[in-house]
């Protein structure tokens, strides 16, 4: 294994952890984002029981990462 393989393994682990965290949250799926009001696609609501659109979810994750430091 080279450095690229190790990096990909780490990326896969982090993505799996993030998906697991999203699925564990006690979230009620909504048709609209609770932050900005944009419509949430049905596929996303079913996949991760979402109440945030992708943009707001990404911003929330960025904020969480900033506060972990």
PDB file of N, CA and C in Angstrom:
ATOM      1  N   UNK A   1       0.828  -1.184   0.000  1.00  0.00           N
ATOM      2  CA  UNK A   1       0.000   0.000   0.000  1.00  0.00           C
ATOM      3  C   UNK A   1       0.874   1.250   0.000  1.00  0.00           C
ATOM      4  N   UNK A   2       0.431   2.233  -0.763  1.00  0.00           N
ATOM      5  CA  UNK A   2       1.176   3.487  -0.793  1.00  0.00           C
ATOM      6  C   UNK A   2       0.391   4.577  -0.060  1.00  0.00           C
ATOM      7  N   UNK A   3       0.914   5.787  -0.087  1.00  0.00           N
ATOM      8  CA  UNK A   3       0.295   6.901   0.629  1.00  0.00           C
ATOM      9  C   UNK A   3      -1.109   7.191   0.120  1.00  0.00           C
ATOM     10  N   UNK A   4      -1.336   7.058  -1.185  1.00  0.00           N
ATOM     11  CA  UNK A   4      -2.664   7.313  -1.751  1.00  0.00           C
ATOM     12  C   UNK A   4      -3.684   6.297  -1.234  1.00  0.00           C
ATOM     13  N   UNK A   5      -3.284   5.038  -1.120  1.00  0.00           N
ATOM     14  CA  UNK A   5      -4.173   4.009  -0.581  1.00  0.00           C
ATOM     15  C   UNK A   5      -4.532   4.309   0.875  1.00  0.00           C
ATOM     16  N   UNK A   6      -3.528   4.683   1.650  1.00  0.00           N
ATOM     17  CA  UNK A   6      -3.770   5.019   3.056  1.00  0.00           C
ATOM     18  C   UNK A   6      -4.687   6.231   3.185  1.00  0.00           C
ATOM     19  N   UNK A   7      -4.485   7.214   2.335  1.00  0.00           N
ATOM     20  CA  UNK A   7      -5.345   8.399   2.358  1.00  0.00           C
ATOM     21  C   UNK A   7      -6.780   8.031   2.018  1.00  0.00           C
ATOM     22  N   UNK A   8      -6.966   7.176   1.024  1.00  0.00           N
ATOM     23  CA  UNK A   8      -8.319   6.773   0.639  1.00  0.00           C
ATOM     24  C   UNK A   8      -9.000   5.996   1.761  1.00  0.00           C
ATOM     25  N   UNK A   9      -8.260   5.153   2.439  1.00  0.00           N
ATOM     26  CA  UNK A   9      -8.817   4.414   3.572  1.00  0.00           C
ATOM     27  C   UNK A   9      -9.288   5.388   4.654  1.00  0.00           C
ATOM     28  N   UNK A  10      -8.481   6.388   4.935  1.00  0.00           N
ATOM     29  CA  UNK A  10      -8.844   7.385   5.942  1.00  0.00           C
ATOM     30  C   UNK A  10     -10.081   8.184   5.511  1.00  0.00           C
ATOM     31  N   UNK A  11     -10.154   8.545   4.237  1.00  0.00           N
ATOM     32  CA  UNK A  11     -11.320   9.265   3.717  1.00  0.00           C
ATOM     33  C   UNK A  11     -12.573   8.402   3.863  1.00  0.00           C
ATOM     34  N   UNK A  12     -12.480   7.138   3.503  1.00  0.00           N
ATOM     35  CA  UNK A  12     -13.621   6.223   3.605  1.00  0.00           C
ATOM     36  C   UNK A  12     -14.086   6.082   5.052  1.00  0.00           C
ATOM     37  N   UNK A  13     -13.153   5.986   5.977  1.00  0.00           N
ATOM     38  CA  UNK A  13     -13.507   5.873   7.400  1.00  0.00           C
ATOM     39  C   UNK A  13     -14.216   7.130   7.890  1.00  0.00           C
ATOM     40  N   UNK A  14     -13.708   8.285   7.504  1.00  0.00           N
ATOM     41  CA  UNK A  14     -14.311   9.548   7.930  1.00  0.00           C
ATOM     42  C   UNK A  14     -15.717   9.697   7.357  1.00  0.00           C
ATOM     43  N   UNK A  15     -15.886   9.351   6.096  1.00  0.00           N
ATOM     44  CA  UNK A  15     -17.222   9.428   5.490  1.00  0.00           C
ATOM     45  C   UNK A  15     -18.188   8.475   6.182  1.00  0.00           C
ATOM     46  N   UNK A  16     -17.758   7.282   6.495  1.00  0.00           N
ATOM     47  CA  UNK A  16     -18.608   6.310   7.188  1.00  0.00           C
ATOM     48  C   UNK A  16     -19.000   6.834   8.568  1.00  0.00           C
ATOM     49  N   UNK A  17     -18.042   7.462   9.252  1.00  0.00           N
ATOM     50  CA  UNK A  17     -18.329   8.025  10.576  1.00  0.00           C
ATOM     51  C   UNK A  17     -19.351   9.142  10.484  1.00  0.00           C
ATOM     52  N   UNK A  18     -19.193  10.008   9.491  1.00  0.00           N
ATOM     53  CA  UNK A  18     -20.123  11.116   9.333  1.00  0.00           C
ATOM     54  C   UNK A  18     -21.525  10.629   8.988  1.00  0.00           C
ATOM     55  N   UNK A  19     -21.624   9.639   8.126  1.00  0.00           N
ATOM     56  CA  UNK A  19     -22.925   9.076   7.763  1.00  0.00           C
ATOM     57  C   UNK A  19     -23.571   8.439   8.987  1.00  0.00           C
ATOM     58  N   UNK A  20     -22.796   7.718   9.772  1.00  0.00           N
ATOM     59  CA  UNK A  20     -23.325   7.095  10.991  1.00  0.00           C
ATOM     60  C   UNK A  20     -23.835   8.161  11.956  1.00  0.00           C
ATOM     61  N   UNK A  21     -23.111   9.259  12.093  1.00  0.00           N
ATOM     62  CA  UNK A  21     -23.545  10.345  12.975  1.00  0.00           C
ATOM     63  C   UNK A  21     -24.850  10.957  12.492  1.00  0.00           C
ATOM     64  N   UNK A  22     -24.990  11.136  11.204  1.00  0.00           N
ATOM     65  CA  UNK A  22     -26.222  11.697  10.657  1.00  0.00           C
ATOM     66  C   UNK A  22     -27.406  10.774  10.907  1.00  0.00           C
ATOM     67  N   UNK A  23     -27.196   9.488  10.749  1.00  0.00           N
ATOM     68  CA  UNK A  23     -28.279   8.528  10.927  1.00  0.00           C
ATOM     69  C   UNK A  23     -28.655   8.367  12.393  1.00  0.00           C
ATOM     70  N   UNK A  24     -27.749   8.623  13.318  1.00  0.00           N
ATOM     71  CA  UNK A  24     -28.029   8.459  14.736  1.00  0.00           C
ATOM     72  C   UNK A  24     -28.859   9.599  15.307  1.00  0.00           C
ATOM     73  N   UNK A  25     -28.777  10.735  14.713  1.00  0.00           N
ATOM     74  CA  UNK A  25     -29.474  11.907  15.248  1.00  0.00           C
ATOM     75  C   UNK A  25     -30.986  11.688  15.246  1.00  0.00           C
ATOM     76  N   UNK A  26     -31.624  12.132  16.302  1.00  0.00           N
ATOM     77  CA  UNK A  26     -33.076  12.060  16.405  1.00  0.00           C
ATOM     78  C   UNK A  26     -33.661  13.247  15.649  1.00  0.00           C
ATOM     79  N   UNK A  27     -33.781  13.093  14.342  1.00  0.00           N
ATOM     80  CA  UNK A  27     -34.229  14.175  13.476  1.00  0.00           C
ATOM     81  C   UNK A  27     -35.527  13.771  12.796  1.00  0.00           C
ATOM     82  N   UNK A  28     -36.465  14.698  12.761  1.00  0.00           N
ATOM     83  CA  UNK A  28     -37.694  14.476  12.021  1.00  0.00           C
ATOM     84  C   UNK A  28     -37.511  15.091  10.644  1.00  0.00           C
ATOM     85  N   UNK A  29     -37.619  14.267   9.613  1.00  0.00           N
ATOM     86  CA  UNK A  29     -37.444  14.760   8.250  1.00  0.00           C
ATOM     87  C   UNK A  29     -38.532  15.783   7.922  1.00  0.00           C
ATOM     88  N   UNK A  30     -38.121  16.844   7.246  1.00  0.00           N
ATOM     89  CA  UNK A  30     -39.058  17.882   6.829  1.00  0.00           C
ATOM     90  C   UNK A  30     -38.918  18.116   5.335  1.00  0.00           C
ATOM     91  N   UNK A  31     -39.965  18.657   4.737  1.00  0.00           N
ATOM     92  CA  UNK A  31     -39.935  18.958   3.306  1.00  0.00           C
ATOM     93  C   UNK A  31     -39.052  20.164   2.998  1.00  0.00           C
ATOM     94  N   UNK A  32     -38.944  21.068   3.984  1.00  0.00           N
ATOM     95  CA  UNK A  32     -38.152  22.285   3.805  1.00  0.00           C
ATOM     96  C   UNK A  32     -37.064  22.350   4.872  1.00  0.00           C
ATOM     97  N   UNK A  33     -35.952  22.958   4.484  1.00  0.00           N
ATOM     98  CA  UNK A  33     -34.829  23.147   5.408  1.00  0.00           C
ATOM     99  C   UNK A  33     -35.268  24.029   6.578  1.00  0.00           C
ATOM    100  N   UNK A  34     -34.938  23.605   7.788  1.00  0.00           N
ATOM    101  CA  UNK A  34     -35.335  24.385   8.967  1.00  0.00           C
ATOM    102  C   UNK A  34     -34.496  25.647   9.128  1.00  0.00           C
ATOM    103  N   UNK A  35     -33.382  25.753   8.406  1.00  0.00           N
ATOM    104  CA  UNK A  35     -32.531  26.946   8.479  1.00  0.00           C
ATOM    105  C   UNK A  35     -32.909  27.994   7.432  1.00  0.00           C
ATOM    106  N   UNK A  36     -33.002  27.568   6.170  1.00  0.00           N
ATOM    107  CA  UNK A  36     -33.177  28.547   5.083  1.00  0.00           C
ATOM    108  C   UNK A  36     -34.511  28.440   4.357  1.00  0.00           C
ATOM    109  N   UNK A  37     -35.249  27.346   4.559  1.00  0.00           N
ATOM    110  CA  UNK A  37     -36.549  27.194   3.928  1.00  0.00           C
ATOM    111  C   UNK A  37     -36.525  26.580   2.536  1.00  0.00           C
ATOM    112  N   UNK A  38     -35.331  26.248   2.015  1.00  0.00           N
ATOM    113  CA  UNK A  38     -35.253  25.602   0.699  1.00  0.00           C
ATOM    114  C   UNK A  38     -35.831  24.203   0.774  1.00  0.00           C
ATOM    115  N   UNK A  39     -36.364  23.733  -0.348  1.00  0.00           N
ATOM    116  CA  UNK A  39     -36.916  22.391  -0.404  1.00  0.00           C
ATOM    117  C   UNK A  39     -35.801  21.349  -0.290  1.00  0.00           C
ATOM    118  N   UNK A  40     -36.065  20.289   0.453  1.00  0.00           N
ATOM    119  CA  UNK A  40     -35.119  19.183   0.600  1.00  0.00           C
ATOM    120  C   UNK A  40     -35.605  18.052  -0.303  1.00  0.00           C
ATOM    121  N   UNK A  41     -34.752  17.581  -1.220  1.00  0.00           N
ATOM    122  CA  UNK A  41     -35.172  16.491  -2.110  1.00  0.00           C
ATOM    123  C   UNK A  41     -35.595  15.250  -1.328  1.00  0.00           C
ATOM    124  N   UNK A  42     -36.614  14.570  -1.830  1.00  0.00           N
ATOM    125  CA  UNK A  42     -37.148  13.390  -1.153  1.00  0.00           C
ATOM    126  C   UNK A  42     -36.078  12.333  -0.915  1.00  0.00           C
ATOM    127  N   UNK A  43     -35.176  12.146  -1.887  1.00  0.00           N
ATOM    128  CA  UNK A  43     -34.116  11.146  -1.737  1.00  0.00           C
ATOM    129  C   UNK A  43     -33.242  11.446  -0.526  1.00  0.00           C
ATOM    130  N   UNK A  44     -32.938  12.707  -0.319  1.00  0.00           N
ATOM    131  CA  UNK A  44     -32.103  13.097   0.826  1.00  0.00           C
ATOM    132  C   UNK A  44     -32.864  12.873   2.126  1.00  0.00           C
ATOM    133  N   UNK A  45     -34.124  13.250   2.157  1.00  0.00           N
ATOM    134  CA  UNK A  45     -34.911  13.064   3.376  1.00  0.00           C
ATOM    135  C   UNK A  45     -34.974  11.594   3.768  1.00  0.00           C
ATOM    136  N   UNK A  46     -35.137  10.720   2.783  1.00  0.00           N
ATOM    137  CA  UNK A  46     -35.217   9.284   3.068  1.00  0.00           C
ATOM    138  C   UNK A  46     -33.859   8.715   3.465  1.00  0.00           C
ATOM    139  N   UNK A  47     -32.802   9.167   2.795  1.00  0.00           N
ATOM    140  CA  UNK A  47     -31.473   8.603   3.025  1.00  0.00           C
ATOM    141  C   UNK A  47     -30.923   8.936   4.408  1.00  0.00           C
ATOM    142  N   UNK A  48     -31.081  10.178   4.832  1.00  0.00           N
ATOM    143  CA  UNK A  48     -30.467  10.605   6.090  1.00  0.00           C
ATOM    144  C   UNK A  48     -31.461  11.241   7.051  1.00  0.00           C
ATOM    145  N   UNK A  49     -32.760  11.079   6.800  1.00  0.00           N
ATOM    146  CA  UNK A  49     -33.771  11.638   7.691  1.00  0.00           C
ATOM    147  C   UNK A  49     -33.489  13.126   7.929  1.00  0.00           C
ATOM    148  N   UNK A  50     -33.347  13.869   6.845  1.00  0.00           N
ATOM    149  CA  UNK A  50     -32.826  15.237   6.897  1.00  0.00           C
ATOM    150  C   UNK A  50     -33.888  16.288   7.187  1.00  0.00           C
ATOM    151  N   UNK A  51     -33.460  17.320   7.913  1.00  0.00           N
ATOM    152  CA  UNK A  51     -34.270  18.517   8.061  1.00  0.00           C
ATOM    153  C   UNK A  51     -33.459  19.757   7.678  1.00  0.00           C
ATOM    154  N   UNK A  52     -32.250  19.527   7.120  1.00  0.00           N
ATOM    155  CA  UNK A  52     -31.404  20.597   6.605  1.00  0.00           C
ATOM    156  C   UNK A  52     -31.081  20.304   5.146  1.00  0.00           C
ATOM    157  N   UNK A  53     -31.052  21.345   4.315  1.00  0.00           N
ATOM    158  CA  UNK A  53     -30.622  21.164   2.934  1.00  0.00           C
ATOM    159  C   UNK A  53     -29.116  20.886   2.930  1.00  0.00           C
ATOM    160  N   UNK A  54     -28.590  20.497   1.813  1.00  0.00           N
ATOM    161  CA  UNK A  54     -27.171  20.149   1.740  1.00  0.00           C
ATOM    162  C   UNK A  54     -26.297  21.346   2.118  1.00  0.00           C
ATOM    163  N   UNK A  55     -26.632  22.519   1.615  1.00  0.00           N
ATOM    164  CA  UNK A  55     -25.832  23.711   1.911  1.00  0.00           C
ATOM    165  C   UNK A  55     -25.784  24.025   3.396  1.00  0.00           C
ATOM    166  N   UNK A  56     -26.940  23.990   4.045  1.00  0.00           N
ATOM    167  CA  UNK A  56     -26.983  24.280   5.483  1.00  0.00           C
ATOM    168  C   UNK A  56     -26.317  23.167   6.292  1.00  0.00           C
ATOM    169  N   UNK A  57     -26.464  21.920   5.858  1.00  0.00           N
ATOM    170  CA  UNK A  57     -25.806  20.811   6.541  1.00  0.00           C
ATOM    171  C   UNK A  57     -24.288  20.960   6.449  1.00  0.00           C
ATOM    172  N   UNK A  58     -23.796  21.369   5.285  1.00  0.00           N
ATOM    173  CA  UNK A  58     -22.356  21.582   5.129  1.00  0.00           C
ATOM    174  C   UNK A  58     -21.864  22.705   6.034  1.00  0.00           C
ATOM    175  N   UNK A  59     -22.626  23.785   6.109  1.00  0.00           N
ATOM    176  CA  UNK A  59     -22.235  24.904   6.974  1.00  0.00           C
ATOM    177  C   UNK A  59     -22.234  24.472   8.439  1.00  0.00           C
ATOM    178  N   UNK A  60     -23.205  23.671   8.835  1.00  0.00           N
ATOM    179  CA  UNK A  60     -23.263  23.168  10.201  1.00  0.00           C
ATOM    180  C   UNK A  60     -22.035  22.312  10.517  1.00  0.00           C
ATOM    181  N   UNK A  61     -21.632  21.465   9.558  1.00  0.00           N
ATOM    182  CA  UNK A  61     -20.455  20.621   9.752  1.00  0.00           C
ATOM    183  C   UNK A  61     -19.188  21.466   9.861  1.00  0.00           C
ATOM    184  N   UNK A  62     -19.068  22.496   9.043  1.00  0.00           N
ATOM    185  CA  UNK A  62     -17.914  23.385   9.113  1.00  0.00           C
ATOM    186  C   UNK A  62     -17.846  24.043  10.491  1.00  0.00           C
ATOM    187  N   UNK A  63     -18.978  24.516  10.989  1.00  0.00           N
ATOM    188  CA  UNK A  63     -19.009  25.147  12.312  1.00  0.00           C
ATOM    189  C   UNK A  63     -18.617  24.166  13.404  1.00  0.00           C
ATOM    190  N   UNK A  64     -19.098  22.928  13.301  1.00  0.00           N
ATOM    191  CA  UNK A  64     -18.736  21.908  14.298  1.00  0.00           C
ATOM    192  C   UNK A  64     -17.236  21.666  14.308  1.00  0.00           C
ATOM    193  N   UNK A  65     -16.652  21.572  13.123  1.00  0.00           N
ATOM    194  CA  UNK A  65     -15.209  21.323  13.025  1.00  0.00           C
ATOM    195  C   UNK A  65     -14.414  22.468  13.620  1.00  0.00           C
ATOM    196  N   UNK A  66     -14.890  23.700  13.450  1.00  0.00           N
ATOM    197  CA  UNK A  66     -14.191  24.856  14.005  1.00  0.00           C
ATOM    198  C   UNK A  66     -14.197  24.840  15.522  1.00  0.00           C
ATOM    199  N   UNK A  67     -15.274  24.362  16.121  1.00  0.00           N
ATOM    200  CA  UNK A  67     -15.387  24.361  17.578  1.00  0.00           C
ATOM    201  C   UNK A  67     -14.694  23.163  18.218  1.00  0.00           C
ATOM    202  N   UNK A  68     -14.335  22.145  17.431  1.00  0.00           N
ATOM    203  CA  UNK A  68     -13.632  20.982  17.974  1.00  0.00           C
ATOM    204  C   UNK A  68     -12.183  21.285  18.282  1.00  0.00           C
ATOM    205  N   UNK A  69     -11.623  22.276  17.647  1.00  0.00           N
ATOM    206  CA  UNK A  69     -10.191  22.576  17.788  1.00  0.00           C
ATOM    207  C   UNK A  69      -9.851  23.131  19.123  1.00  0.00           C
TER     208      UNK A  69
END
